[in-house]
Amino acid sequence: MNRRYRGQDGFTLIEIMVVILIIGLLALMVVPRLRGVADRAKRTKAQADIQELKQALDRYYLDNGTYPTTDQGLQALVTPPTGGRTPANYEPGGYIEKLPSDPWGNSYFYQSDGSSYVLKSFGPDGVQSVDDIDGSSS
């Protein structure tokens, strides 16, 4: 009853090693490209967040004649500010639902004197450098 079939003993060690080598080479080519896609996606998300904040700041400016000051911060877009220049025509419910964090987990940088503002994300390193994503007013 014990029959042996020739050529059906399975894979050799060499064949398995060749397959593993091919899979490893493919992974070496694909993984760096995926990492680049994630970085680009985070930058795109930060740019979209900044655009949303800019629109909210512009609506605030149209309603109140000034931008929120640095002391009032971006929080003035969510809840009416109580300190400094209080807005006369604050939109009920605020200008945005909640403040987003940048894709790297940091707060967006905001600085304003009331007539113009600086709005940016410091990017993946979290410090001011050449890779910042800027959305400042002109």
N, C-alpha and C. Protein backbone atom coordinates (compact mmCIF):
# COMPACT_ATOMS: atom_id res chain seq x y z
N MET A 1 0.80 -1.20 0.00
CA MET A 1 0.00 0.00 0.00
C MET A 1 0.85 1.27 0.00
N ASN A 2 2.04 1.22 0.43
CA ASN A 2 2.90 2.38 0.51
C ASN A 2 3.59 2.61 -0.82
N ARG A 3 2.99 3.47 -1.67
CA ARG A 3 3.57 3.76 -2.97
C ARG A 3 4.31 5.09 -2.92
N ARG A 4 5.37 5.16 -3.63
CA ARG A 4 6.13 6.40 -3.75
C ARG A 4 6.02 6.90 -5.17
N TYR A 5 5.70 8.20 -5.27
CA TYR A 5 5.63 8.81 -6.59
C TYR A 5 6.90 9.61 -6.79
N ARG A 6 7.50 9.41 -7.93
CA ARG A 6 8.73 10.13 -8.22
C ARG A 6 8.41 11.57 -8.63
N GLY A 7 9.22 12.55 -8.15
CA GLY A 7 9.06 13.95 -8.51
C GLY A 7 8.00 14.68 -7.70
N GLN A 8 7.46 14.06 -6.68
CA GLN A 8 6.44 14.72 -5.87
C GLN A 8 6.85 14.77 -4.40
N ASP A 9 8.10 14.95 -4.18
CA ASP A 9 8.61 14.97 -2.81
C ASP A 9 8.50 16.35 -2.18
N GLY A 10 8.07 17.40 -2.89
CA GLY A 10 7.95 18.75 -2.34
C GLY A 10 9.01 19.67 -2.88
N PHE A 11 9.18 20.83 -2.23
CA PHE A 11 10.15 21.82 -2.67
C PHE A 11 11.50 21.56 -2.01
N THR A 12 12.54 21.90 -2.75
CA THR A 12 13.88 21.79 -2.16
C THR A 12 14.18 23.07 -1.39
N LEU A 13 15.18 23.01 -0.56
CA LEU A 13 15.58 24.16 0.21
C LEU A 13 16.01 25.31 -0.70
N ILE A 14 16.68 25.00 -1.76
CA ILE A 14 17.14 26.03 -2.72
C ILE A 14 15.95 26.75 -3.33
N GLU A 15 14.92 26.02 -3.73
CA GLU A 15 13.74 26.64 -4.33
C GLU A 15 13.05 27.58 -3.33
N ILE A 16 12.94 27.17 -2.08
CA ILE A 16 12.32 28.02 -1.06
C ILE A 16 13.15 29.27 -0.84
N MET A 17 14.48 29.13 -0.81
CA MET A 17 15.34 30.29 -0.62
C MET A 17 15.25 31.27 -1.78
N VAL A 18 15.13 30.78 -2.99
CA VAL A 18 14.98 31.65 -4.16
C VAL A 18 13.68 32.44 -4.07
N VAL A 19 12.59 31.80 -3.68
CA VAL A 19 11.30 32.48 -3.54
C VAL A 19 11.39 33.56 -2.46
N ILE A 20 12.01 33.25 -1.32
CA ILE A 20 12.16 34.23 -0.25
C ILE A 20 13.02 35.40 -0.70
N LEU A 21 14.06 35.14 -1.47
CA LEU A 21 14.92 36.19 -2.00
C LEU A 21 14.13 37.11 -2.93
N ILE A 22 13.33 36.55 -3.80
CA ILE A 22 12.52 37.36 -4.73
C ILE A 22 11.52 38.22 -3.95
N ILE A 23 10.86 37.66 -2.96
CA ILE A 23 9.91 38.43 -2.14
C ILE A 23 10.64 39.56 -1.41
N GLY A 24 11.82 39.29 -0.90
CA GLY A 24 12.61 40.31 -0.21
C GLY A 24 13.00 41.45 -1.14
N LEU A 25 13.41 41.13 -2.37
CA LEU A 25 13.78 42.16 -3.35
C LEU A 25 12.56 43.02 -3.71
N LEU A 26 11.42 42.39 -3.89
CA LEU A 26 10.20 43.15 -4.17
C LEU A 26 9.84 44.08 -3.02
N ALA A 27 9.98 43.60 -1.79
CA ALA A 27 9.69 44.42 -0.62
C ALA A 27 10.63 45.61 -0.54
N LEU A 28 11.91 45.41 -0.89
CA LEU A 28 12.86 46.51 -0.86
C LEU A 28 12.50 47.61 -1.85
N MET A 29 11.86 47.26 -2.93
CA MET A 29 11.46 48.26 -3.92
C MET A 29 10.15 48.94 -3.54
N VAL A 30 9.23 48.25 -2.88
CA VAL A 30 7.90 48.78 -2.60
C VAL A 30 7.85 49.60 -1.32
N VAL A 31 8.49 49.16 -0.26
CA VAL A 31 8.37 49.82 1.06
C VAL A 31 8.81 51.28 1.02
N PRO A 32 9.94 51.66 0.42
CA PRO A 32 10.30 53.08 0.39
C PRO A 32 9.27 53.94 -0.34
N ARG A 33 8.66 53.42 -1.37
CA ARG A 33 7.63 54.18 -2.08
C ARG A 33 6.40 54.39 -1.21
N LEU A 34 6.04 53.40 -0.41
CA LEU A 34 4.89 53.55 0.48
C LEU A 34 5.17 54.59 1.56
N ARG A 35 6.39 54.64 2.03
CA ARG A 35 6.77 55.62 3.04
C ARG A 35 6.64 57.03 2.47
N GLY A 36 7.03 57.23 1.24
CA GLY A 36 6.90 58.53 0.59
C GLY A 36 5.45 58.93 0.42
N VAL A 37 4.58 57.97 0.15
CA VAL A 37 3.16 58.25 -0.01
C VAL A 37 2.57 58.74 1.31
N ALA A 38 2.94 58.14 2.41
CA ALA A 38 2.44 58.55 3.72
C ALA A 38 2.88 59.97 4.04
N ASP A 39 4.13 60.33 3.74
CA ASP A 39 4.61 61.68 3.99
C ASP A 39 3.85 62.71 3.15
N ARG A 40 3.63 62.39 1.88
CA ARG A 40 2.87 63.30 1.02
C ARG A 40 1.43 63.44 1.50
N ALA A 41 0.85 62.36 1.97
CA ALA A 41 -0.53 62.41 2.47
C ALA A 41 -0.62 63.32 3.71
N LYS A 42 0.36 63.26 4.58
CA LYS A 42 0.36 64.12 5.76
C LYS A 42 0.50 65.58 5.38
N ARG A 43 1.36 65.87 4.42
CA ARG A 43 1.52 67.26 3.96
C ARG A 43 0.23 67.77 3.32
N THR A 44 -0.43 66.92 2.54
CA THR A 44 -1.69 67.30 1.91
C THR A 44 -2.76 67.55 2.96
N LYS A 45 -2.80 66.72 4.00
CA LYS A 45 -3.76 66.90 5.10
C LYS A 45 -3.50 68.23 5.81
N ALA A 46 -2.24 68.55 6.07
CA ALA A 46 -1.90 69.82 6.72
C ALA A 46 -2.33 71.00 5.86
N GLN A 47 -2.10 70.92 4.55
CA GLN A 47 -2.51 72.00 3.65
C GLN A 47 -4.02 72.16 3.65
N ALA A 48 -4.76 71.06 3.69
CA ALA A 48 -6.23 71.13 3.72
C ALA A 48 -6.70 71.74 5.04
N ASP A 49 -6.09 71.36 6.15
CA ASP A 49 -6.44 71.94 7.45
C ASP A 49 -6.18 73.45 7.45
N ILE A 50 -5.04 73.85 6.91
CA ILE A 50 -4.70 75.27 6.88
C ILE A 50 -5.70 76.04 6.01
N GLN A 51 -6.12 75.46 4.90
CA GLN A 51 -7.13 76.11 4.06
C GLN A 51 -8.44 76.29 4.82
N GLU A 52 -8.84 75.27 5.57
CA GLU A 52 -10.07 75.35 6.37
C GLU A 52 -9.94 76.44 7.44
N LEU A 53 -8.79 76.51 8.10
CA LEU A 53 -8.57 77.54 9.12
C LEU A 53 -8.54 78.93 8.50
N LYS A 54 -7.94 79.06 7.32
CA LYS A 54 -7.90 80.36 6.63
C LYS A 54 -9.31 80.83 6.28
N GLN A 55 -10.15 79.92 5.80
CA GLN A 55 -11.53 80.29 5.48
C GLN A 55 -12.27 80.74 6.72
N ALA A 56 -12.08 80.03 7.83
CA ALA A 56 -12.72 80.41 9.08
C ALA A 56 -12.20 81.76 9.56
N LEU A 57 -10.90 82.00 9.45
CA LEU A 57 -10.32 83.29 9.84
C LEU A 57 -10.87 84.41 8.98
N ASP A 58 -11.03 84.18 7.69
CA ASP A 58 -11.58 85.20 6.79
C ASP A 58 -13.04 85.51 7.13
N ARG A 59 -13.83 84.51 7.46
CA ARG A 59 -15.22 84.74 7.87
C ARG A 59 -15.25 85.53 9.18
N TYR A 60 -14.37 85.17 10.12
CA TYR A 60 -14.27 85.91 11.38
C TYR A 60 -13.95 87.37 11.09
N TYR A 61 -12.99 87.60 10.19
CA TYR A 61 -12.58 88.96 9.84
C TYR A 61 -13.74 89.73 9.21
N LEU A 62 -14.48 89.10 8.31
CA LEU A 62 -15.61 89.77 7.67
C LEU A 62 -16.69 90.14 8.67
N ASP A 63 -16.91 89.29 9.65
CA ASP A 63 -17.94 89.56 10.66
C ASP A 63 -17.50 90.61 11.68
N ASN A 64 -16.21 90.63 12.02
CA ASN A 64 -15.75 91.42 13.16
C ASN A 64 -14.75 92.52 12.84
N GLY A 65 -14.26 92.57 11.63
CA GLY A 65 -13.34 93.64 11.23
C GLY A 65 -11.89 93.43 11.62
N THR A 66 -11.60 92.39 12.40
CA THR A 66 -10.22 92.05 12.77
C THR A 66 -10.09 90.54 12.86
N TYR A 67 -8.85 90.07 12.81
CA TYR A 67 -8.57 88.66 13.06
C TYR A 67 -8.42 88.47 14.57
N PRO A 68 -8.61 87.25 15.06
CA PRO A 68 -8.32 87.02 16.49
C PRO A 68 -6.84 87.34 16.77
N THR A 69 -6.57 87.92 17.92
CA THR A 69 -5.19 88.24 18.26
C THR A 69 -4.44 86.97 18.66
N THR A 70 -3.14 87.10 18.81
CA THR A 70 -2.33 85.96 19.24
C THR A 70 -2.82 85.43 20.58
N ASP A 71 -3.16 86.33 21.50
CA ASP A 71 -3.64 85.91 22.82
C ASP A 71 -4.95 85.14 22.72
N GLN A 72 -5.83 85.56 21.83
CA GLN A 72 -7.10 84.87 21.65
C GLN A 72 -6.89 83.54 20.93
N GLY A 73 -5.96 83.51 20.02
CA GLY A 73 -5.58 82.29 19.32
C GLY A 73 -6.66 81.74 18.41
N LEU A 74 -6.37 80.58 17.86
CA LEU A 74 -7.33 79.92 16.96
C LEU A 74 -8.56 79.43 17.71
N GLN A 75 -8.47 79.33 19.03
CA GLN A 75 -9.62 78.91 19.83
C GLN A 75 -10.79 79.89 19.65
N ALA A 76 -10.49 81.13 19.25
CA ALA A 76 -11.54 82.13 19.00
C ALA A 76 -12.43 81.72 17.83
N LEU A 77 -12.00 80.79 17.03
CA LEU A 77 -12.83 80.30 15.92
C LEU A 77 -13.84 79.27 16.40
N VAL A 78 -13.62 78.71 17.57
CA VAL A 78 -14.50 77.68 18.13
C VAL A 78 -15.47 78.29 19.14
N THR A 79 -14.93 79.10 20.05
CA THR A 79 -15.75 79.75 21.08
C THR A 79 -15.43 81.25 21.09
N PRO A 80 -16.40 82.08 21.43
CA PRO A 80 -16.15 83.53 21.44
C PRO A 80 -15.05 83.88 22.44
N PRO A 81 -14.10 84.71 22.03
CA PRO A 81 -13.04 85.10 22.96
C PRO A 81 -13.58 86.02 24.05
N THR A 82 -13.04 85.90 25.25
CA THR A 82 -13.49 86.73 26.37
C THR A 82 -12.49 87.84 26.68
N GLY A 83 -11.25 87.67 26.29
CA GLY A 83 -10.23 88.68 26.56
C GLY A 83 -9.89 89.47 25.32
N GLY A 84 -9.24 90.60 25.50
CA GLY A 84 -8.82 91.42 24.37
C GLY A 84 -10.02 92.05 23.68
N ARG A 85 -9.91 92.26 22.38
CA ARG A 85 -11.02 92.82 21.61
C ARG A 85 -12.11 91.76 21.47
N THR A 86 -13.23 91.99 22.09
CA THR A 86 -14.33 91.03 21.97
C THR A 86 -15.07 91.29 20.67
N PRO A 87 -15.36 90.24 19.92
CA PRO A 87 -16.02 90.42 18.63
C PRO A 87 -17.47 90.86 18.79
N ALA A 88 -17.88 91.83 17.96
CA ALA A 88 -19.24 92.37 18.05
C ALA A 88 -20.25 91.47 17.33
N ASN A 89 -19.85 90.82 16.26
CA ASN A 89 -20.77 90.03 15.43
C ASN A 89 -20.34 88.58 15.34
N TYR A 90 -20.02 87.97 16.47
CA TYR A 90 -19.54 86.59 16.47
C TYR A 90 -20.64 85.65 15.98
N GLU A 91 -20.28 84.78 15.06
CA GLU A 91 -21.25 83.84 14.48
C GLU A 91 -21.69 82.81 15.52
N PRO A 92 -23.01 82.66 15.73
CA PRO A 92 -23.47 81.65 16.69
C PRO A 92 -22.97 80.26 16.29
N GLY A 93 -22.43 79.54 17.23
CA GLY A 93 -21.90 78.21 16.94
C GLY A 93 -20.45 78.22 16.52
N GLY A 94 -19.85 79.40 16.38
CA GLY A 94 -18.45 79.49 16.02
C GLY A 94 -18.22 79.38 14.52
N TYR A 95 -16.96 79.38 14.15
CA TYR A 95 -16.58 79.37 12.74
C TYR A 95 -16.10 78.00 12.29
N ILE A 96 -15.66 77.19 13.22
CA ILE A 96 -15.35 75.78 12.97
C ILE A 96 -15.79 74.98 14.19
N GLU A 97 -16.00 73.68 13.98
CA GLU A 97 -16.49 72.84 15.07
C GLU A 97 -15.43 72.59 16.13
N LYS A 98 -14.21 72.24 15.69
CA LYS A 98 -13.11 72.02 16.64
C LYS A 98 -11.80 72.29 15.94
N LEU A 99 -10.79 72.59 16.74
CA LEU A 99 -9.46 72.88 16.19
C LEU A 99 -8.75 71.58 15.83
N PRO A 100 -8.27 71.48 14.60
CA PRO A 100 -7.50 70.28 14.25
C PRO A 100 -6.06 70.41 14.72
N SER A 101 -5.44 69.28 14.96
CA SER A 101 -3.99 69.23 15.17
C SER A 101 -3.37 68.89 13.83
N ASP A 102 -2.13 69.27 13.63
CA ASP A 102 -1.49 68.90 12.36
C ASP A 102 -1.26 67.39 12.34
N PRO A 103 -1.00 66.81 11.18
CA PRO A 103 -0.87 65.35 11.07
C PRO A 103 0.26 64.74 11.91
N TRP A 104 1.15 65.58 12.41
CA TRP A 104 2.25 65.09 13.24
C TRP A 104 1.95 65.25 14.73
N GLY A 105 0.71 65.65 15.06
CA GLY A 105 0.28 65.73 16.45
C GLY A 105 0.55 67.06 17.14
N ASN A 106 1.00 68.07 16.41
CA ASN A 106 1.28 69.38 17.00
C ASN A 106 0.14 70.35 16.70
N SER A 107 0.07 71.41 17.47
CA SER A 107 -0.90 72.47 17.19
C SER A 107 -0.37 73.32 16.04
N TYR A 108 -1.31 73.89 15.28
CA TYR A 108 -0.91 74.83 14.24
C TYR A 108 -0.44 76.12 14.89
N PHE A 109 0.60 76.71 14.35
CA PHE A 109 1.15 77.95 14.87
C PHE A 109 0.31 79.11 14.34
N TYR A 110 -0.12 79.99 15.26
CA TYR A 110 -0.91 81.16 14.87
C TYR A 110 -0.40 82.37 15.63
N GLN A 111 -0.19 83.46 14.88
CA GLN A 111 0.25 84.72 15.48
C GLN A 111 -0.43 85.84 14.71
N SER A 112 -1.02 86.80 15.44
CA SER A 112 -1.75 87.87 14.77
C SER A 112 -1.76 89.13 15.60
N ASP A 113 -1.74 90.27 14.89
CA ASP A 113 -1.92 91.58 15.53
C ASP A 113 -3.34 92.10 15.31
N GLY A 114 -4.19 91.33 14.66
CA GLY A 114 -5.56 91.72 14.38
C GLY A 114 -5.78 92.13 12.93
N SER A 115 -4.73 92.61 12.26
CA SER A 115 -4.89 93.02 10.86
C SER A 115 -4.28 92.03 9.87
N SER A 116 -3.36 91.21 10.30
CA SER A 116 -2.78 90.14 9.49
C SER A 116 -2.41 89.00 10.43
N TYR A 117 -2.06 87.86 9.84
CA TYR A 117 -1.73 86.73 10.70
C TYR A 117 -0.67 85.85 10.06
N VAL A 118 -0.04 85.05 10.89
CA VAL A 118 0.88 83.99 10.47
C VAL A 118 0.25 82.69 10.92
N LEU A 119 0.05 81.79 9.97
CA LEU A 119 -0.55 80.49 10.25
C LEU A 119 0.30 79.44 9.55
N LYS A 120 0.78 78.47 10.31
CA LYS A 120 1.62 77.44 9.68
C LYS A 120 1.69 76.18 10.53
N SER A 121 2.11 75.12 9.87
CA SER A 121 2.47 73.87 10.53
C SER A 121 3.98 73.76 10.43
N PHE A 122 4.61 73.37 11.52
CA PHE A 122 6.07 73.25 11.49
C PHE A 122 6.53 71.93 10.89
N GLY A 123 5.62 71.12 10.38
CA GLY A 123 5.97 69.90 9.67
C GLY A 123 6.39 68.77 10.58
N PRO A 124 7.03 67.75 10.01
CA PRO A 124 7.35 66.55 10.78
C PRO A 124 8.35 66.77 11.91
N ASP A 125 9.24 67.74 11.77
CA ASP A 125 10.24 67.95 12.82
C ASP A 125 9.70 68.80 13.98
N GLY A 126 8.58 69.50 13.79
CA GLY A 126 7.96 70.26 14.87
C GLY A 126 8.65 71.56 15.23
N VAL A 127 9.65 71.97 14.46
CA VAL A 127 10.34 73.23 14.70
C VAL A 127 10.36 74.05 13.42
N GLN A 128 10.52 75.35 13.57
CA GLN A 128 10.53 76.23 12.41
C GLN A 128 11.74 75.89 11.53
N SER A 129 11.47 75.56 10.26
CA SER A 129 12.54 75.22 9.32
C SER A 129 11.99 75.34 7.90
N VAL A 130 12.77 74.90 6.94
CA VAL A 130 12.38 75.04 5.53
C VAL A 130 11.22 74.13 5.12
N ASP A 131 10.91 73.11 5.92
CA ASP A 131 9.82 72.19 5.54
C ASP A 131 8.47 72.61 6.11
N ASP A 132 8.35 73.84 6.64
CA ASP A 132 7.09 74.32 7.19
C ASP A 132 6.05 74.45 6.09
N ILE A 133 4.79 74.29 6.48
CA ILE A 133 3.67 74.47 5.56
C ILE A 133 3.01 75.77 5.97
N ASP A 134 3.13 76.78 5.12
CA ASP A 134 2.74 78.14 5.47
C ASP A 134 1.38 78.49 4.88
N GLY A 135 0.54 79.13 5.69
CA GLY A 135 -0.76 79.59 5.22
C GLY A 135 -1.02 81.01 5.69
N SER A 136 0.02 81.80 5.86
CA SER A 136 -0.10 83.15 6.42
C SER A 136 -0.84 84.08 5.47
N SER A 137 -1.46 85.13 6.04
CA SER A 137 -2.13 86.13 5.22
C SER A 137 -1.09 87.08 4.66
N SER A 138 -1.44 87.72 3.57
CA SER A 138 -0.48 88.64 2.96
C SER A 138 -0.73 90.08 3.35
